[in-house]
Protein backbone atom coordinates (compact mmCIF):
# COMPACT_ATOMS: atom_id res chain seq x y z
CA MET A 1 -17.00 -8.27 13.01
CA GLU A 2 -13.75 -8.45 15.04
CA SER A 3 -12.36 -4.90 14.92
CA ILE A 4 -9.11 -3.92 13.76
CA VAL A 5 -6.86 -2.51 16.28
CA PRO A 6 -5.14 0.96 15.87
CA VAL A 7 -1.30 0.13 15.94
CA GLY A 8 0.20 3.45 16.28
CA SER A 9 2.47 3.31 19.28
CA HIS A 10 2.45 6.95 20.55
CA SER A 11 -0.37 8.75 22.36
CA CYS A 12 -2.09 11.59 21.42
CA GLY A 13 -3.89 14.37 23.26
CA CYS A 14 -6.60 14.87 20.73
CA SER A 15 -9.71 13.14 20.08
CA SER A 16 -10.90 11.05 17.03
CA THR A 17 -12.79 13.49 14.86
CA SER A 18 -13.93 11.83 11.77
CA ASP A 19 -16.47 9.27 11.29
CA THR A 20 -14.48 7.68 8.22
CA PRO A 21 -10.73 7.12 8.27
CA ARG A 22 -8.58 8.79 5.70
CA PHE A 23 -7.32 5.65 3.60
CA VAL A 24 -3.34 6.34 2.34
CA ALA A 25 -1.79 3.82 -0.01
CA LEU A 26 2.02 2.85 0.23
CA THR A 27 2.50 1.07 -3.15
CA GLY A 28 5.51 0.49 -5.59
CA GLY A 29 7.28 -2.67 -6.98
CA PRO A 30 8.68 -5.43 -5.13
CA GLY A 31 11.63 -4.92 -2.86
CA ALA A 32 10.78 -1.11 -2.43
CA GLY A 33 10.66 -1.17 1.35
CA LYS A 34 7.06 -0.76 1.75
CA THR A 35 6.72 -3.40 4.68
CA ALA A 36 10.01 -1.97 6.46
CA VAL A 37 8.20 1.70 6.11
CA LEU A 38 5.17 0.58 7.46
CA GLU A 39 6.96 -1.05 10.57
CA MET A 40 8.74 2.56 10.93
CA ALA A 41 5.31 4.13 10.99
CA ARG A 42 4.14 2.08 13.98
CA ARG A 43 6.66 3.53 15.91
CA VAL A 44 6.36 7.07 14.73
CA PHE A 45 2.83 7.77 14.62
CA CYS A 46 -0.13 7.86 17.09
CA ARG A 47 -2.98 5.47 18.19
CA HIS A 48 -5.01 7.31 15.57
CA VAL A 49 -3.13 5.09 12.83
CA ALA A 50 -3.92 1.68 11.58
CA LEU A 51 -1.89 -0.60 9.42
CA LEU A 52 -3.49 -2.79 6.75
CA PRO A 53 -1.57 -5.67 5.70
CA GLU A 54 -0.78 -6.44 2.07
CA ALA A 55 -4.28 -8.22 0.50
CA ALA A 56 -1.23 -10.40 -1.90
CA GLY A 57 0.61 -11.40 0.96
CA ILE A 58 -2.39 -12.83 2.90
CA VAL A 59 -3.40 -14.52 -0.50
CA PHE A 60 -0.60 -15.95 -1.40
CA GLY A 61 0.90 -16.64 1.99
CA GLY A 62 -2.67 -18.53 2.46
CA GLY A 63 -1.54 -20.80 -0.24
CA PHE A 64 -3.70 -19.64 -3.37
CA PRO A 65 -1.97 -21.12 -6.38
CA ARG A 66 0.11 -19.36 -8.25
CA HIS A 67 -0.13 -19.91 -11.96
CA ASP A 68 1.43 -18.16 -14.83
CA SER A 69 -1.44 -18.26 -17.40
CA PRO A 70 -3.50 -15.43 -18.06
CA ALA A 71 -6.76 -17.23 -16.13
CA GLY A 72 -4.41 -18.24 -13.23
CA ARG A 73 -3.29 -14.39 -12.93
CA ARG A 74 -6.67 -13.03 -13.29
CA ALA A 75 -8.23 -15.16 -10.75
CA ALA A 76 -5.41 -13.96 -8.44
CA GLN A 77 -5.85 -10.64 -9.08
CA ARG A 78 -9.81 -11.06 -8.04
CA SER A 79 -8.88 -12.47 -4.99
CA ILE A 80 -6.21 -9.98 -4.18
CA PHE A 81 -9.10 -7.12 -4.94
CA ALA A 82 -11.83 -8.83 -3.02
CA VAL A 83 -9.32 -9.28 0.26
CA GLN A 84 -7.87 -5.74 -0.07
CA ARG A 85 -11.54 -4.18 -0.23
CA ALA A 86 -12.85 -6.59 2.82
CA ILE A 87 -9.98 -4.81 4.95
CA GLU A 88 -10.66 -1.39 4.11
CA ASP A 89 -14.15 -2.33 4.66
CA ALA A 90 -13.64 -3.49 8.12
CA VAL A 91 -11.39 -0.43 9.30
CA ILE A 92 -14.40 1.92 8.48
CA GLU A 93 -16.21 0.09 11.41
CA THR A 94 -13.38 0.65 13.72
CA ASP A 95 -13.69 3.50 16.03
CA GLY A 96 -10.79 5.93 16.83
CA VAL A 97 -9.37 5.19 13.40
CA GLU A 98 -8.13 8.58 11.76
CA VAL A 99 -5.67 7.40 9.14
CA ALA A 100 -5.25 3.88 7.69
CA LEU A 101 -2.32 3.03 6.06
CA CYS A 102 -2.66 0.55 3.39
CA ASP A 103 0.35 -1.96 1.79
CA ARG A 104 -0.71 -1.43 -1.68
CA GLY A 105 -4.10 -0.19 -3.12
CA THR A 106 -6.53 -1.61 -5.04
CA LEU A 107 -5.09 -0.19 -8.27
CA ASP A 108 -1.97 -1.90 -8.24
CA GLY A 109 -3.55 -5.01 -9.65
CA LEU A 110 -3.28 -3.36 -12.65
CA ALA A 111 0.11 -3.80 -12.66
CA TYR A 112 -0.20 -7.76 -12.63
CA TRP A 113 -3.07 -7.86 -14.57
CA PRO A 114 -2.77 -9.66 -18.15
CA GLY A 115 -4.87 -7.73 -20.42
CA PRO A 116 -6.26 -4.38 -20.92
CA SER A 117 -7.04 -2.18 -18.09
CA ALA A 118 -10.44 -1.78 -19.08
CA SER A 119 -11.05 -5.73 -18.57
CA PHE A 120 -9.56 -5.00 -15.05
CA PHE A 121 -12.51 -2.78 -14.21
CA ALA A 122 -15.07 -4.89 -15.88
CA ALA A 123 -14.02 -8.08 -13.88
CA MET A 124 -13.93 -6.28 -10.40
CA GLY A 125 -17.07 -4.20 -11.02
CA THR A 126 -15.62 -0.80 -10.43
CA SER A 127 -13.66 2.05 -12.47
CA ALA A 128 -10.63 4.05 -12.38
CA GLU A 129 -12.26 6.92 -11.04
CA ALA A 130 -13.89 5.18 -8.12
CA GLU A 131 -10.74 3.59 -6.99
CA LEU A 132 -8.76 6.45 -7.06
CA GLY A 133 -11.16 8.30 -5.34
CA ARG A 134 -10.85 5.79 -2.46
CA TYR A 135 -7.68 7.23 -1.31
CA HIS A 136 -6.80 10.26 0.09
CA ALA A 137 -2.94 10.08 -1.04
CA VAL A 138 -0.45 7.90 -2.32
CA ILE A 139 2.88 7.27 -1.57
CA HIS A 140 5.05 5.38 -4.32
CA LEU A 141 8.13 4.02 -3.39
CA GLU A 142 10.48 3.32 -6.05
CA SER A 143 11.99 -0.09 -6.58
CA PRO A 144 15.38 -0.59 -6.43
CA GLY A 145 17.40 -2.09 -9.28
CA GLY A 146 19.70 -5.00 -9.39
CA ASN A 147 22.46 -2.64 -8.48
CA GLY A 148 20.28 -0.79 -5.99
CA GLY A 149 19.86 -3.47 -3.01
CA TYR A 150 16.81 -5.59 -4.75
CA ARG A 151 16.99 -8.86 -3.27
CA LEU A 152 15.15 -11.95 -3.34
CA ASP A 153 16.18 -13.61 -0.51
CA ASN A 154 14.30 -11.39 2.33
CA ASN A 155 10.87 -12.55 1.13
CA ARG A 156 9.78 -15.76 0.87
CA LEU A 157 6.68 -14.61 -1.50
CA ARG A 158 8.74 -12.75 -3.56
CA VAL A 159 9.38 -14.31 -6.87
CA GLU A 160 10.24 -11.45 -9.60
CA THR A 161 13.83 -10.58 -10.62
CA ALA A 162 15.18 -6.96 -10.46
CA ALA A 163 14.30 -5.98 -14.04
CA GLU A 164 10.44 -7.70 -13.24
CA ALA A 165 10.48 -5.76 -10.46
CA GLU A 166 11.30 -2.55 -12.13
CA LEU A 167 8.76 -3.33 -14.84
CA ILE A 168 6.41 -3.58 -12.34
CA ASP A 169 7.16 -0.41 -10.46
CA ASP A 170 6.50 1.49 -13.74
CA ARG A 171 3.10 -0.22 -14.34
CA ILE A 172 1.86 0.96 -10.81
CA ALA A 173 3.14 4.39 -11.63
CA THR A 174 1.10 4.45 -14.44
CA ALA A 175 -1.89 3.08 -12.36
CA TRP A 176 -1.98 5.73 -10.06
CA ALA A 177 -0.75 8.42 -12.39
CA ALA A 178 -4.27 10.45 -12.05
CA HIS A 179 -4.28 10.94 -8.50
CA PRO A 180 -3.97 14.58 -7.28
CA ARG A 181 -1.80 13.24 -4.24
CA ARG A 182 0.44 10.85 -5.22
CA HIS A 183 3.81 11.51 -3.85
CA PHE A 184 6.76 9.82 -5.42
CA VAL A 185 9.81 8.79 -3.06
CA LYS A 186 13.10 7.64 -5.44
CA ALA A 187 15.17 4.68 -4.48
CA GLN A 188 18.10 5.81 -2.52
CA PRO A 189 21.39 4.03 -2.06
CA ASP A 190 21.18 4.36 1.64
CA PHE A 191 17.44 2.87 2.47
CA LEU A 192 16.90 4.89 5.69
CA GLU A 193 16.91 8.18 3.76
CA LYS A 194 14.41 6.80 1.65
CA ALA A 195 12.24 5.54 4.61
CA VAL A 196 12.71 9.26 6.12
CA GLU A 197 11.26 10.66 3.33
CA ALA A 198 8.53 8.28 2.98
CA LEU A 199 7.53 8.92 6.80
CA ARG A 200 7.74 12.61 6.25
CA ARG A 201 5.43 12.35 3.35
CA LEU A 202 3.18 10.07 5.24
CA ARG A 203 2.99 12.49 7.76
CA ASP A 204 1.93 15.60 5.93
CA GLU A 205 -1.23 13.39 5.07
CA MET A 206 -2.25 12.82 8.78
CA PRO A 207 -4.81 15.17 10.43
CA GLU A 208 -3.30 18.22 11.88
CA CYS A 209 -3.13 17.38 15.61
CA CYS A 210 -1.03 14.42 14.44
CA GLN A 211 1.72 16.15 12.31
CA GLY A 212 3.84 17.30 14.76
CA HIS A 213 5.00 13.61 15.26
CA PRO A 214 9.07 13.79 15.13
CA VAL A 215 10.60 11.80 12.29
CA PRO A 216 13.80 10.52 13.72
């Protein structure tokens, strides 16, 4: 298996101390700024941090058909869940990774699933408790509303309107509500204020040796 390469840009004087990386999910509705925050994290944190790509982007960017029928939506979410799990499993086998920052987590699929949550967990062969337990922490970035900077034109894979994005954001919040280390970062008129708060929340979830990295 080809290893996932840690992408934090800062050197660090400490050595890896954990056999299993700590998974932190960065989530939120469409347009919340997850990709931008993860790119900033690349420049702030050290080599012990790996960034995991968004599974939905891989699936839909690769040409998976987007059908709005219940069957089409279920098929898409099964595929996204499988890719998400595979990415996370791969990083477990990568040496030197202390923290894996995930662009979304497996429970995000509940916000897009056309049916009760019980049918989602049955289809994925898992449970809410098992998926909550996969992640050390969850950082939720709130989606901006139509008057708060939401845009369709800066992501070719984004199809939701501002109103739909807010609804999905609420559903994602509900999906992760039971996680004991969920941090909610509200939308701000100035996105940089929101990004800095998110980076500080992420830094708090780093190993102690990495918590001294300054957030600009």
